[in-house]
Amino acid sequence: MMSSTPRDEGNEEGVTFIYEDDGKITARDEETGVASFGDTKAEALRMLAEALELHAGGGDPVTDEDLEEFGLDPDDFDDKELPEFMQ
């Protein structure tokens, strides 16, 4: 992996791009540590923006249809609280 060099080594803000061996580009938010990837820098940034929104508590609750799409049986979760990232 190869990472771009931040302008200010002591700065905790900004985005670092990591060029993965498989050709993907990872965008990592320095402040939160949240990361996402894409085929291009623009796609990686769009995906990072979505990940940051979810990290901040945005997004929609997970539905039974979502669980089924993930290959999970919603009945398995009736008596259990969903993990925080799926709420």
C-alpha atoms as a PDB file:
ATOM      1  CA  MET A   1       0.000   0.000   0.000  1.00  0.00           C
ATOM      2  CA  MET A   2       1.125   3.515  -0.719  1.00  0.00           C
ATOM      3  CA  SER A   3      -0.311   6.561   1.024  1.00  0.00           C
ATOM      4  CA  SER A   4      -0.281  10.184  -0.009  1.00  0.00           C
ATOM      5  CA  THR A   5       1.665  12.447   2.310  1.00  0.00           C
ATOM      6  CA  PRO A   6      -0.345  14.928   4.358  1.00  0.00           C
ATOM      7  CA  ARG A   7       0.706  18.566   4.039  1.00  0.00           C
ATOM      8  CA  ASP A   8       1.000  19.075   7.801  1.00  0.00           C
ATOM      9  CA  GLU A   9       2.222  15.998   9.665  1.00  0.00           C
ATOM     10  CA  GLY A  10       0.659  17.256  12.933  1.00  0.00           C
ATOM     11  CA  ASN A  11      -2.718  18.063  11.376  1.00  0.00           C
ATOM     12  CA  GLU A  12      -5.516  15.685  12.415  1.00  0.00           C
ATOM     13  CA  GLU A  13      -7.893  16.940   9.704  1.00  0.00           C
ATOM     14  CA  GLY A  14      -8.128  15.993   6.086  1.00  0.00           C
ATOM     15  CA  VAL A  15      -8.196  12.847   4.002  1.00  0.00           C
ATOM     16  CA  THR A  16      -5.410  10.426   3.223  1.00  0.00           C
ATOM     17  CA  PHE A  17      -5.598   8.389   0.023  1.00  0.00           C
ATOM     18  CA  ILE A  18      -4.181   4.867   0.048  1.00  0.00           C
ATOM     19  CA  TYR A  19      -3.540   3.150  -3.254  1.00  0.00           C
ATOM     20  CA  GLU A  20      -4.297  -0.550  -2.736  1.00  0.00           C
ATOM     21  CA  ASP A  21      -2.560  -3.401  -4.579  1.00  0.00           C
ATOM     22  CA  ASP A  22      -5.860  -4.388  -6.232  1.00  0.00           C
ATOM     23  CA  GLY A  23      -6.208  -0.951  -7.859  1.00  0.00           C
ATOM     24  CA  LYS A  24      -8.799   0.397  -5.423  1.00  0.00           C
ATOM     25  CA  ILE A  25      -8.259   3.730  -3.704  1.00  0.00           C
ATOM     26  CA  THR A  26      -9.041   4.043   0.008  1.00  0.00           C
ATOM     27  CA  ALA A  27      -9.975   7.452   1.397  1.00  0.00           C
ATOM     28  CA  ARG A  28      -9.398   7.762   5.173  1.00  0.00           C
ATOM     29  CA  ASP A  29     -10.682  10.655   7.283  1.00  0.00           C
ATOM     30  CA  GLU A  30      -7.821  11.627   9.597  1.00  0.00           C
ATOM     31  CA  GLU A  31     -10.037  13.038  12.358  1.00  0.00           C
ATOM     32  CA  THR A  32     -12.299  10.000  12.825  1.00  0.00           C
ATOM     33  CA  GLY A  33     -10.302   7.173  11.276  1.00  0.00           C
ATOM     34  CA  VAL A  34     -13.343   6.259   9.146  1.00  0.00           C
ATOM     35  CA  ALA A  35     -12.372   4.917   5.729  1.00  0.00           C
ATOM     36  CA  SER A  36     -14.030   3.793   2.529  1.00  0.00           C
ATOM     37  CA  PHE A  37     -12.877   2.921  -0.975  1.00  0.00           C
ATOM     38  CA  GLY A  38     -13.657   3.219  -4.644  1.00  0.00           C
ATOM     39  CA  ASP A  39     -12.207   2.769  -8.109  1.00  0.00           C
ATOM     40  CA  THR A  40     -11.341   6.483  -8.317  1.00  0.00           C
ATOM     41  CA  LYS A  41     -10.543   9.244  -5.826  1.00  0.00           C
ATOM     42  CA  ALA A  42     -13.944  10.832  -6.507  1.00  0.00           C
ATOM     43  CA  GLU A  43     -15.776   7.559  -5.836  1.00  0.00           C
ATOM     44  CA  ALA A  44     -13.711   6.929  -2.700  1.00  0.00           C
ATOM     45  CA  LEU A  45     -14.605  10.423  -1.433  1.00  0.00           C
ATOM     46  CA  ARG A  46     -18.319   9.891  -2.153  1.00  0.00           C
ATOM     47  CA  MET A  47     -18.237   6.581  -0.283  1.00  0.00           C
ATOM     48  CA  LEU A  48     -16.274   8.197   2.573  1.00  0.00           C
ATOM     49  CA  ALA A  49     -18.896  10.963   2.843  1.00  0.00           C
ATOM     50  CA  GLU A  50     -21.614   8.304   3.192  1.00  0.00           C
ATOM     51  CA  ALA A  51     -19.568   6.384   5.772  1.00  0.00           C
ATOM     52  CA  LEU A  52     -18.990   9.576   7.769  1.00  0.00           C
ATOM     53  CA  GLU A  53     -22.730  10.328   7.755  1.00  0.00           C
ATOM     54  CA  LEU A  54     -23.466   6.849   9.096  1.00  0.00           C
ATOM     55  CA  HIS A  55     -20.650   7.163  11.641  1.00  0.00           C
ATOM     56  CA  ALA A  56     -22.262  10.378  12.895  1.00  0.00           C
ATOM     57  CA  GLY A  57     -25.596   8.605  13.411  1.00  0.00           C
ATOM     58  CA  GLY A  58     -27.248   9.418  10.111  1.00  0.00           C
ATOM     59  CA  GLY A  59     -28.956   6.982   7.814  1.00  0.00           C
ATOM     60  CA  ASP A  60     -32.019   4.783   8.112  1.00  0.00           C
ATOM     61  CA  PRO A  61     -32.679   1.938  10.559  1.00  0.00           C
ATOM     62  CA  VAL A  62     -32.103  -1.595   9.284  1.00  0.00           C
ATOM     63  CA  THR A  63     -35.339  -3.266   8.156  1.00  0.00           C
ATOM     64  CA  ASP A  64     -36.287  -6.933   7.791  1.00  0.00           C
ATOM     65  CA  GLU A  65     -35.857  -6.482   4.037  1.00  0.00           C
ATOM     66  CA  ASP A  66     -32.308  -5.215   4.615  1.00  0.00           C
ATOM     67  CA  LEU A  67     -31.493  -8.274   6.729  1.00  0.00           C
ATOM     68  CA  GLU A  68     -32.878 -10.578   4.037  1.00  0.00           C
ATOM     69  CA  GLU A  69     -30.781  -8.765   1.419  1.00  0.00           C
ATOM     70  CA  PHE A  70     -27.709  -9.495   3.579  1.00  0.00           C
ATOM     71  CA  GLY A  71     -28.730 -13.169   3.619  1.00  0.00           C
ATOM     72  CA  LEU A  72     -29.897 -13.052   7.249  1.00  0.00           C
ATOM     73  CA  ASP A  73     -33.167 -14.364   8.687  1.00  0.00           C
ATOM     74  CA  PRO A  74     -35.028 -11.486  10.433  1.00  0.00           C
ATOM     75  CA  ASP A  75     -36.585 -14.017  12.851  1.00  0.00           C
ATOM     76  CA  ASP A  76     -33.105 -14.696  14.230  1.00  0.00           C
ATOM     77  CA  PHE A  77     -33.026 -11.102  15.491  1.00  0.00           C
ATOM     78  CA  ASP A  78     -36.492 -10.819  17.084  1.00  0.00           C
ATOM     79  CA  ASP A  79     -35.223 -11.298  20.629  1.00  0.00           C
ATOM     80  CA  LYS A  80     -31.853  -9.682  20.106  1.00  0.00           C
ATOM     81  CA  GLU A  81     -30.802  -6.091  19.804  1.00  0.00           C
ATOM     82  CA  LEU A  82     -29.094  -5.343  16.514  1.00  0.00           C
ATOM     83  CA  PRO A  83     -25.419  -4.373  16.674  1.00  0.00           C
ATOM     84  CA  GLU A  84     -24.970  -0.600  16.936  1.00  0.00           C
ATOM     85  CA  PHE A  85     -23.747  -0.268  13.330  1.00  0.00           C
ATOM     86  CA  MET A  86     -26.988  -1.855  12.055  1.00  0.00           C
ATOM     87  CA  GLN A  87     -29.392   0.281  14.107  1.00  0.00           C
END
